[in-house]
């Protein structure tokens, strides 16, 4: 499953987080995969796409970042291409 992890930097200060990643890596438990990330220009939020089949791995990862000054929102997401496949039969107004 894919998850959009919305990470908020305390006081829009990304430096402590980037320092920690530089020094210790992402600290991902085995089975949790980092796919990619995007950061707002004002350093308020980072949007990370993560993949795993066991939600406990996300919980473990978030717990590992306690005290770092970041908070997390985790949203399950579906790729657009897969969503198009689900929606396609409904586009002509006739339920499949």
PDB file of N, CA and C in Angstrom:
ATOM      1  N   UNK A   1       0.835  -1.182   0.000  1.00  0.00           N
ATOM      2  CA  UNK A   1       0.000   0.000   0.000  1.00  0.00           C
ATOM      3  C   UNK A   1       0.879   1.244   0.000  1.00  0.00           C
ATOM      4  N   UNK A   2       0.341   2.306  -0.605  1.00  0.00           N
ATOM      5  CA  UNK A   2       1.052   3.577  -0.640  1.00  0.00           C
ATOM      6  C   UNK A   2       0.462   4.547   0.377  1.00  0.00           C
ATOM      7  N   UNK A   3       1.334   5.361   0.955  1.00  0.00           N
ATOM      8  CA  UNK A   3       0.913   6.346   1.950  1.00  0.00           C
ATOM      9  C   UNK A   3       1.606   7.667   1.673  1.00  0.00           C
ATOM     10  N   UNK A   4       0.821   8.750   1.692  1.00  0.00           N
ATOM     11  CA  UNK A   4       1.393  10.082   1.645  1.00  0.00           C
ATOM     12  C   UNK A   4       1.601  10.492   3.094  1.00  0.00           C
ATOM     13  N   UNK A   5       2.844  10.686   3.462  1.00  0.00           N
ATOM     14  CA  UNK A   5       3.189  11.109   4.812  1.00  0.00           C
ATOM     15  C   UNK A   5       3.443  12.612   4.753  1.00  0.00           C
ATOM     16  N   UNK A   6       2.626  13.358   5.462  1.00  0.00           N
ATOM     17  CA  UNK A   6       2.786  14.806   5.513  1.00  0.00           C
ATOM     18  C   UNK A   6       3.498  15.130   6.815  1.00  0.00           C
ATOM     19  N   UNK A   7       4.701  15.591   6.664  1.00  0.00           N
ATOM     20  CA  UNK A   7       5.568  15.868   7.807  1.00  0.00           C
ATOM     21  C   UNK A   7       5.635  17.382   7.985  1.00  0.00           C
ATOM     22  N   UNK A   8       5.338  17.851   9.173  1.00  0.00           N
ATOM     23  CA  UNK A   8       5.410  19.292   9.469  1.00  0.00           C
ATOM     24  C   UNK A   8       6.665  19.576  10.281  1.00  0.00           C
ATOM     25  N   UNK A   9       7.445  20.531   9.798  1.00  0.00           N
ATOM     26  CA  UNK A   9       8.649  20.942  10.506  1.00  0.00           C
ATOM     27  C   UNK A   9       8.275  21.974  11.570  1.00  0.00           C
ATOM     28  N   UNK A  10       8.739  21.772  12.786  1.00  0.00           N
ATOM     29  CA  UNK A  10       8.486  22.732  13.863  1.00  0.00           C
ATOM     30  C   UNK A  10       9.084  24.080  13.481  1.00  0.00           C
ATOM     31  N   UNK A  11       8.290  25.126  13.593  1.00  0.00           N
ATOM     32  CA  UNK A  11       8.740  26.496  13.300  1.00  0.00           C
ATOM     33  C   UNK A  11       9.330  26.648  11.900  1.00  0.00           C
ATOM     34  N   UNK A  12       8.884  25.821  10.978  1.00  0.00           N
ATOM     35  CA  UNK A  12       9.380  25.838   9.590  1.00  0.00           C
ATOM     36  C   UNK A  12      10.897  25.685   9.528  1.00  0.00           C
ATOM     37  N   UNK A  13      11.431  24.913  10.465  1.00  0.00           N
ATOM     38  CA  UNK A  13      12.878  24.702  10.546  1.00  0.00           C
ATOM     39  C   UNK A  13      13.204  23.267  10.140  1.00  0.00           C
ATOM     40  N   UNK A  14      13.646  23.103   8.917  1.00  0.00           N
ATOM     41  CA  UNK A  14      13.971  21.776   8.391  1.00  0.00           C
ATOM     42  C   UNK A  14      15.386  21.328   8.737  1.00  0.00           C
ATOM     43  N   UNK A  15      16.215  22.231   9.208  1.00  0.00           N
ATOM     44  CA  UNK A  15      17.625  21.918   9.449  1.00  0.00           C
ATOM     45  C   UNK A  15      17.825  20.732  10.397  1.00  0.00           C
ATOM     46  N   UNK A  16      17.156  20.674  11.560  1.00  0.00           N
ATOM     47  CA  UNK A  16      17.367  19.523  12.444  1.00  0.00           C
ATOM     48  C   UNK A  16      17.013  18.182  11.792  1.00  0.00           C
ATOM     49  N   UNK A  17      15.970  18.186  10.980  1.00  0.00           N
ATOM     50  CA  UNK A  17      15.553  16.944  10.319  1.00  0.00           C
ATOM     51  C   UNK A  17      16.565  16.547   9.256  1.00  0.00           C
ATOM     52  N   UNK A  18      16.988  17.499   8.449  1.00  0.00           N
ATOM     53  CA  UNK A  18      17.980  17.183   7.411  1.00  0.00           C
ATOM     54  C   UNK A  18      19.310  16.754   8.031  1.00  0.00           C
ATOM     55  N   UNK A  19      19.668  17.357   9.148  1.00  0.00           N
ATOM     56  CA  UNK A  19      20.898  16.965   9.838  1.00  0.00           C
ATOM     57  C   UNK A  19      20.789  15.515  10.319  1.00  0.00           C
ATOM     58  N   UNK A  20      19.638  15.181  10.885  1.00  0.00           N
ATOM     59  CA  UNK A  20      19.440  13.818  11.392  1.00  0.00           C
ATOM     60  C   UNK A  20      19.459  12.794  10.260  1.00  0.00           C
ATOM     61  N   UNK A  21      18.820  13.127   9.135  1.00  0.00           N
ATOM     62  CA  UNK A  21      18.838  12.216   7.984  1.00  0.00           C
ATOM     63  C   UNK A  21      20.268  12.066   7.462  1.00  0.00           C
ATOM     64  N   UNK A  22      21.001  13.164   7.403  1.00  0.00           N
ATOM     65  CA  UNK A  22      22.395  13.098   6.953  1.00  0.00           C
ATOM     66  C   UNK A  22      23.227  12.202   7.863  1.00  0.00           C
ATOM     67  N   UNK A  23      23.036  12.357   9.165  1.00  0.00           N
ATOM     68  CA  UNK A  23      23.870  11.641  10.131  1.00  0.00           C
ATOM     69  C   UNK A  23      23.439  10.199  10.378  1.00  0.00           C
ATOM     70  N   UNK A  24      22.127   9.931  10.305  1.00  0.00           N
ATOM     71  CA  UNK A  24      21.616   8.604  10.687  1.00  0.00           C
ATOM     72  C   UNK A  24      20.783   7.916   9.619  1.00  0.00           C
ATOM     73  N   UNK A  25      20.573   8.562   8.482  1.00  0.00           N
ATOM     74  CA  UNK A  25      19.725   7.993   7.448  1.00  0.00           C
ATOM     75  C   UNK A  25      18.254   8.179   7.786  1.00  0.00           C
ATOM     76  N   UNK A  26      17.403   7.602   6.980  1.00  0.00           N
ATOM     77  CA  UNK A  26      15.954   7.753   7.174  1.00  0.00           C
ATOM     78  C   UNK A  26      15.423   6.891   8.313  1.00  0.00           C
ATOM     79  N   UNK A  27      16.196   5.924   8.749  1.00  0.00           N
ATOM     80  CA  UNK A  27      15.835   5.048   9.862  1.00  0.00           C
ATOM     81  C   UNK A  27      14.533   4.287   9.590  1.00  0.00           C
ATOM     82  N   UNK A  28      14.436   3.739   8.400  1.00  0.00           N
ATOM     83  CA  UNK A  28      13.243   2.987   8.009  1.00  0.00           C
ATOM     84  C   UNK A  28      13.344   1.546   8.482  1.00  0.00           C
ATOM     85  N   UNK A  29      12.293   1.046   9.121  1.00  0.00           N
ATOM     86  CA  UNK A  29      12.300  -0.376   9.457  1.00  0.00           C
ATOM     87  C   UNK A  29      12.260  -1.220   8.171  1.00  0.00           C
ATOM     88  N   UNK A  30      12.784  -2.417   8.233  1.00  0.00           N
ATOM     89  CA  UNK A  30      12.758  -3.318   7.080  1.00  0.00           C
ATOM     90  C   UNK A  30      11.306  -3.552   6.682  1.00  0.00           C
ATOM     91  N   UNK A  31      11.010  -3.341   5.402  1.00  0.00           N
ATOM     92  CA  UNK A  31       9.656  -3.519   4.891  1.00  0.00           C
ATOM     93  C   UNK A  31       8.933  -2.211   4.628  1.00  0.00           C
ATOM     94  N   UNK A  32       9.488  -1.105   5.102  1.00  0.00           N
ATOM     95  CA  UNK A  32       8.930   0.223   4.820  1.00  0.00           C
ATOM     96  C   UNK A  32       9.846   0.886   3.796  1.00  0.00           C
ATOM     97  N   UNK A  33       9.287   1.241   2.648  1.00  0.00           N
ATOM     98  CA  UNK A  33      10.085   1.788   1.554  1.00  0.00           C
ATOM     99  C   UNK A  33       9.766   3.264   1.327  1.00  0.00           C
ATOM    100  N   UNK A  34      10.814   4.050   1.229  1.00  0.00           N
ATOM    101  CA  UNK A  34      10.708   5.460   0.859  1.00  0.00           C
ATOM    102  C   UNK A  34      10.649   5.523  -0.659  1.00  0.00           C
ATOM    103  N   UNK A  35       9.619   6.185  -1.215  1.00  0.00           N
ATOM    104  CA  UNK A  35       9.461   6.281  -2.664  1.00  0.00           C
ATOM    105  C   UNK A  35       9.967   7.625  -3.187  1.00  0.00           C
ATOM    106  N   UNK A  36       9.650   8.697  -2.488  1.00  0.00           N
ATOM    107  CA  UNK A  36      10.081  10.019  -2.915  1.00  0.00           C
ATOM    108  C   UNK A  36       9.507  11.076  -1.991  1.00  0.00           C
ATOM    109  N   UNK A  37      10.001  12.332  -2.145  1.00  0.00           N
ATOM    110  CA  UNK A  37       9.479  13.394  -1.296  1.00  0.00           C
ATOM    111  C   UNK A  37       9.570  14.746  -1.982  1.00  0.00           C
ATOM    112  N   UNK A  38       8.758  15.667  -1.490  1.00  0.00           N
ATOM    113  CA  UNK A  38       8.670  17.028  -1.998  1.00  0.00           C
ATOM    114  C   UNK A  38       8.532  17.944  -0.797  1.00  0.00           C
ATOM    115  N   UNK A  39       9.221  19.082  -0.811  1.00  0.00           N
ATOM    116  CA  UNK A  39       9.214  20.014   0.316  1.00  0.00           C
ATOM    117  C   UNK A  39       8.647  21.352  -0.141  1.00  0.00           C
ATOM    118  N   UNK A  40       7.785  21.942   0.681  1.00  0.00           N
ATOM    119  CA  UNK A  40       7.267  23.274   0.383  1.00  0.00           C
ATOM    120  C   UNK A  40       8.410  24.283   0.439  1.00  0.00           C
ATOM    121  N   UNK A  41       8.376  25.297  -0.413  1.00  0.00           N
ATOM    122  CA  UNK A  41       9.456  26.285  -0.433  1.00  0.00           C
ATOM    123  C   UNK A  41       9.649  27.015   0.897  1.00  0.00           C
ATOM    124  N   UNK A  42       8.594  27.123   1.711  1.00  0.00           N
ATOM    125  CA  UNK A  42       8.719  27.824   2.995  1.00  0.00           C
ATOM    126  C   UNK A  42       9.131  26.892   4.134  1.00  0.00           C
ATOM    127  N   UNK A  43       9.441  25.645   3.818  1.00  0.00           N
ATOM    128  CA  UNK A  43       9.883  24.635   4.791  1.00  0.00           C
ATOM    129  C   UNK A  43       8.831  24.342   5.863  1.00  0.00           C
ATOM    130  N   UNK A  44       7.561  24.509   5.512  1.00  0.00           N
ATOM    131  CA  UNK A  44       6.501  24.174   6.467  1.00  0.00           C
ATOM    132  C   UNK A  44       6.244  22.674   6.482  1.00  0.00           C
ATOM    133  N   UNK A  45       6.126  22.088   5.275  1.00  0.00           N
ATOM    134  CA  UNK A  45       5.778  20.670   5.190  1.00  0.00           C
ATOM    135  C   UNK A  45       6.635  19.938   4.164  1.00  0.00           C
ATOM    136  N   UNK A  46       6.791  18.653   4.435  1.00  0.00           N
ATOM    137  CA  UNK A  46       7.415  17.730   3.492  1.00  0.00           C
ATOM    138  C   UNK A  46       6.387  16.642   3.187  1.00  0.00           C
ATOM    139  N   UNK A  47       6.212  16.329   1.921  1.00  0.00           N
ATOM    140  CA  UNK A  47       5.278  15.287   1.493  1.00  0.00           C
ATOM    141  C   UNK A  47       6.117  14.095   1.046  1.00  0.00           C
ATOM    142  N   UNK A  48       5.986  12.992   1.776  1.00  0.00           N
ATOM    143  CA  UNK A  48       6.769  11.799   1.463  1.00  0.00           C
ATOM    144  C   UNK A  48       5.841  10.684   1.035  1.00  0.00           C
ATOM    145  N   UNK A  49       6.168  10.041  -0.060  1.00  0.00           N
ATOM    146  CA  UNK A  49       5.424   8.872  -0.491  1.00  0.00           C
ATOM    147  C   UNK A  49       6.164   7.649   0.038  1.00  0.00           C
ATOM    148  N   UNK A  50       5.451   6.835   0.811  1.00  0.00           N
ATOM    149  CA  UNK A  50       6.034   5.644   1.431  1.00  0.00           C
ATOM    150  C   UNK A  50       5.200   4.429   1.018  1.00  0.00           C
ATOM    151  N   UNK A  51       5.824   3.277   1.070  1.00  0.00           N
ATOM    152  CA  UNK A  51       5.128   2.049   0.687  1.00  0.00           C
ATOM    153  C   UNK A  51       5.410   0.958   1.712  1.00  0.00           C
ATOM    154  N   UNK A  52       4.346   0.267   2.123  1.00  0.00           N
ATOM    155  CA  UNK A  52       4.489  -0.892   3.005  1.00  0.00           C
ATOM    156  C   UNK A  52       3.176  -1.663   3.041  1.00  0.00           C
ATOM    157  N   UNK A  53       3.245  -2.891   3.502  1.00  0.00           N
ATOM    158  CA  UNK A  53       2.057  -3.730   3.639  1.00  0.00           C
ATOM    159  C   UNK A  53       1.631  -3.890   5.083  1.00  0.00           C
ATOM    160  N   UNK A  54       2.452  -3.434   6.018  1.00  0.00           N
ATOM    161  CA  UNK A  54       2.174  -3.591   7.446  1.00  0.00           C
ATOM    162  C   UNK A  54       2.194  -2.211   8.097  1.00  0.00           C
ATOM    163  N   UNK A  55       1.032  -1.722   8.496  1.00  0.00           N
ATOM    164  CA  UNK A  55       0.926  -0.367   9.055  1.00  0.00           C
ATOM    165  C   UNK A  55       1.736  -0.192  10.334  1.00  0.00           C
ATOM    166  N   UNK A  56       2.051  -1.264  11.002  1.00  0.00           N
ATOM    167  CA  UNK A  56       2.866  -1.167  12.208  1.00  0.00           C
ATOM    168  C   UNK A  56       4.258  -0.629  11.893  1.00  0.00           C
ATOM    169  N   UNK A  57       4.718  -0.848  10.668  1.00  0.00           N
ATOM    170  CA  UNK A  57       6.026  -0.325  10.272  1.00  0.00           C
ATOM    171  C   UNK A  57       6.019   1.200  10.231  1.00  0.00           C
ATOM    172  N   UNK A  58       4.917   1.783   9.772  1.00  0.00           N
ATOM    173  CA  UNK A  58       4.789   3.243   9.804  1.00  0.00           C
ATOM    174  C   UNK A  58       4.759   3.741  11.243  1.00  0.00           C
ATOM    175  N   UNK A  59       4.049   3.029  12.102  1.00  0.00           N
ATOM    176  CA  UNK A  59       4.003   3.417  13.512  1.00  0.00           C
ATOM    177  C   UNK A  59       5.393   3.362  14.135  1.00  0.00           C
ATOM    178  N   UNK A  60       6.125   2.308  13.846  1.00  0.00           N
ATOM    179  CA  UNK A  60       7.486   2.156  14.374  1.00  0.00           C
ATOM    180  C   UNK A  60       8.376   3.300  13.895  1.00  0.00           C
ATOM    181  N   UNK A  61       8.271   3.635  12.611  1.00  0.00           N
ATOM    182  CA  UNK A  61       9.075   4.702  12.043  1.00  0.00           C
ATOM    183  C   UNK A  61       8.753   6.044  12.694  1.00  0.00           C
ATOM    184  N   UNK A  62       7.450   6.353  12.844  1.00  0.00           N
ATOM    185  CA  UNK A  62       7.042   7.616  13.473  1.00  0.00           C
ATOM    186  C   UNK A  62       7.550   7.687  14.915  1.00  0.00           C
ATOM    187  N   UNK A  63       7.442   6.592  15.648  1.00  0.00           N
ATOM    188  CA  UNK A  63       7.937   6.577  17.028  1.00  0.00           C
ATOM    189  C   UNK A  63       9.437   6.842  17.094  1.00  0.00           C
ATOM    190  N   UNK A  64      10.164   6.383  16.092  1.00  0.00           N
ATOM    191  CA  UNK A  64      11.602   6.603  16.045  1.00  0.00           C
ATOM    192  C   UNK A  64      11.980   8.068  15.861  1.00  0.00           C
ATOM    193  N   UNK A  65      11.038   8.896  15.420  1.00  0.00           N
ATOM    194  CA  UNK A  65      11.294  10.316  15.201  1.00  0.00           C
ATOM    195  C   UNK A  65      10.780  11.178  16.349  1.00  0.00           C
ATOM    196  N   UNK A  66      10.360  10.548  17.461  1.00  0.00           N
ATOM    197  CA  UNK A  66       9.923  11.319  18.636  1.00  0.00           C
ATOM    198  C   UNK A  66      11.019  12.290  19.052  1.00  0.00           C
ATOM    199  N   UNK A  67      10.609  13.469  19.465  1.00  0.00           N
ATOM    200  CA  UNK A  67      11.560  14.455  19.957  1.00  0.00           C
ATOM    201  C   UNK A  67      12.328  15.203  18.878  1.00  0.00           C
ATOM    202  N   UNK A  68      12.023  14.937  17.616  1.00  0.00           N
ATOM    203  CA  UNK A  68      12.761  15.572  16.526  1.00  0.00           C
ATOM    204  C   UNK A  68      12.167  16.908  16.103  1.00  0.00           C
ATOM    205  N   UNK A  69      11.000  17.243  16.646  1.00  0.00           N
ATOM    206  CA  UNK A  69      10.359  18.493  16.269  1.00  0.00           C
ATOM    207  C   UNK A  69       9.473  18.391  15.043  1.00  0.00           C
ATOM    208  N   UNK A  70       9.178  17.191  14.584  1.00  0.00           N
ATOM    209  CA  UNK A  70       8.278  17.033  13.446  1.00  0.00           C
ATOM    210  C   UNK A  70       7.020  16.296  13.891  1.00  0.00           C
ATOM    211  N   UNK A  71       5.932  16.572  13.185  1.00  0.00           N
ATOM    212  CA  UNK A  71       4.694  15.827  13.382  1.00  0.00           C
ATOM    213  C   UNK A  71       4.328  15.179  12.054  1.00  0.00           C
ATOM    214  N   UNK A  72       3.533  14.126  12.118  1.00  0.00           N
ATOM    215  CA  UNK A  72       3.215  13.347  10.929  1.00  0.00           C
ATOM    216  C   UNK A  72       1.712  13.194  10.748  1.00  0.00           C
ATOM    217  N   UNK A  73       1.278  13.300   9.512  1.00  0.00           N
ATOM    218  CA  UNK A  73      -0.067  12.913   9.104  1.00  0.00           C
ATOM    219  C   UNK A  73       0.136  11.847   8.041  1.00  0.00           C
ATOM    220  N   UNK A  74      -0.564  10.718   8.164  1.00  0.00           N
ATOM    221  CA  UNK A  74      -0.369   9.604   7.241  1.00  0.00           C
ATOM    222  C   UNK A  74      -1.690   9.332   6.525  1.00  0.00           C
ATOM    223  N   UNK A  75      -1.663   9.432   5.184  1.00  0.00           N
ATOM    224  CA  UNK A  75      -2.864   9.308   4.371  1.00  0.00           C
ATOM    225  C   UNK A  75      -2.668   8.176   3.361  1.00  0.00           C
ATOM    226  N   UNK A  76      -3.508   7.126   3.397  1.00  0.00           N
ATOM    227  CA  UNK A  76      -3.422   6.093   2.362  1.00  0.00           C
ATOM    228  C   UNK A  76      -3.812   6.703   1.009  1.00  0.00           C
ATOM    229  N   UNK A  77      -3.076   6.360  -0.036  1.00  0.00           N
ATOM    230  CA  UNK A  77      -3.363   6.895  -1.368  1.00  0.00           C
ATOM    231  C   UNK A  77      -3.358   5.776  -2.402  1.00  0.00           C
ATOM    232  N   UNK A  78      -4.031   6.048  -3.522  1.00  0.00           N
ATOM    233  CA  UNK A  78      -4.108   5.114  -4.647  1.00  0.00           C
ATOM    234  C   UNK A  78      -3.549   5.832  -5.869  1.00  0.00           C
ATOM    235  N   UNK A  79      -2.648   5.209  -6.615  1.00  0.00           N
ATOM    236  CA  UNK A  79      -2.123   5.854  -7.822  1.00  0.00           C
ATOM    237  C   UNK A  79      -3.246   6.227  -8.792  1.00  0.00           C
ATOM    238  N   UNK A  80      -3.076   7.352  -9.476  1.00  0.00           N
ATOM    239  CA  UNK A  80      -4.099   7.835 -10.410  1.00  0.00           C
ATOM    240  C   UNK A  80      -4.436   6.809 -11.483  1.00  0.00           C
ATOM    241  N   UNK A  81      -3.429   6.126 -12.007  1.00  0.00           N
ATOM    242  CA  UNK A  81      -3.679   5.143 -13.065  1.00  0.00           C
ATOM    243  C   UNK A  81      -4.614   4.037 -12.577  1.00  0.00           C
ATOM    244  N   UNK A  82      -4.426   3.596 -11.351  1.00  0.00           N
ATOM    245  CA  UNK A  82      -5.300   2.558 -10.797  1.00  0.00           C
ATOM    246  C   UNK A  82      -6.694   3.110 -10.531  1.00  0.00           C
ATOM    247  N   UNK A  83      -6.779   4.358 -10.113  1.00  0.00           N
ATOM    248  CA  UNK A  83      -8.076   4.981  -9.884  1.00  0.00           C
ATOM    249  C   UNK A  83      -8.836   5.125 -11.195  1.00  0.00           C
ATOM    250  N   UNK A  84      -8.127   5.495 -12.264  1.00  0.00           N
ATOM    251  CA  UNK A  84      -8.788   5.597 -13.579  1.00  0.00           C
ATOM    252  C   UNK A  84      -9.428   4.273 -13.967  1.00  0.00           C
ATOM    253  N   UNK A  85      -8.777   3.155 -13.686  1.00  0.00           N
ATOM    254  CA  UNK A  85      -9.334   1.845 -14.010  1.00  0.00           C
ATOM    255  C   UNK A  85     -10.641   1.598 -13.258  1.00  0.00           C
ATOM    256  N   UNK A  86     -10.691   2.029 -12.011  1.00  0.00           N
ATOM    257  CA  UNK A  86     -11.902   1.849 -11.204  1.00  0.00           C
ATOM    258  C   UNK A  86     -13.020   2.758 -11.703  1.00  0.00           C
ATOM    259  N   UNK A  87     -12.668   3.981 -12.065  1.00  0.00           N
ATOM    260  CA  UNK A  87     -13.657   4.987 -12.459  1.00  0.00           C
ATOM    261  C   UNK A  87     -14.171   4.772 -13.880  1.00  0.00           C
ATOM    262  N   UNK A  88     -13.355   4.229 -14.762  1.00  0.00           N
ATOM    263  CA  UNK A  88     -13.687   4.119 -16.180  1.00  0.00           C
ATOM    264  C   UNK A  88     -15.070   3.550 -16.463  1.00  0.00           C
ATOM    265  N   UNK A  89     -15.484   2.459 -15.823  1.00  0.00           N
ATOM    266  CA  UNK A  89     -16.814   1.918 -16.136  1.00  0.00           C
ATOM    267  C   UNK A  89     -17.965   2.864 -15.763  1.00  0.00           C
ATOM    268  N   UNK A  90     -17.726   3.859 -14.942  1.00  0.00           N
ATOM    269  CA  UNK A  90     -18.781   4.764 -14.495  1.00  0.00           C
ATOM    270  C   UNK A  90     -18.847   6.052 -15.313  1.00  0.00           C
ATOM    271  N   UNK A  91     -17.911   6.257 -16.214  1.00  0.00           N
ATOM    272  CA  UNK A  91     -17.811   7.534 -16.920  1.00  0.00           C
ATOM    273  C   UNK A  91     -18.978   7.824 -17.856  1.00  0.00           C
ATOM    274  N   UNK A  92     -19.628   6.811 -18.361  1.00  0.00           N
ATOM    275  CA  UNK A  92     -20.732   7.033 -19.287  1.00  0.00           C
ATOM    276  C   UNK A  92     -22.078   7.027 -18.589  1.00  0.00           C
ATOM    277  N   UNK A  93     -22.074   7.103 -17.267  1.00  0.00           N
ATOM    278  CA  UNK A  93     -23.321   7.182 -16.522  1.00  0.00           C
ATOM    279  C   UNK A  93     -24.065   5.872 -16.365  1.00  0.00           C
ATOM    280  N   UNK A  94     -23.424   4.789 -16.728  1.00  0.00           N
ATOM    281  CA  UNK A  94     -24.057   3.476 -16.589  1.00  0.00           C
ATOM    282  C   UNK A  94     -23.232   2.684 -15.590  1.00  0.00           C
ATOM    283  N   UNK A  95     -23.885   2.254 -14.499  1.00  0.00           N
ATOM    284  CA  UNK A  95     -23.156   1.443 -13.521  1.00  0.00           C
ATOM    285  C   UNK A  95     -22.830   0.097 -14.139  1.00  0.00           C
ATOM    286  N   UNK A  96     -21.648  -0.404 -13.852  1.00  0.00           N
ATOM    287  CA  UNK A  96     -21.244  -1.711 -14.432  1.00  0.00           C
ATOM    288  C   UNK A  96     -22.082  -2.851 -13.901  1.00  0.00           C
TER     289      UNK A  96
END
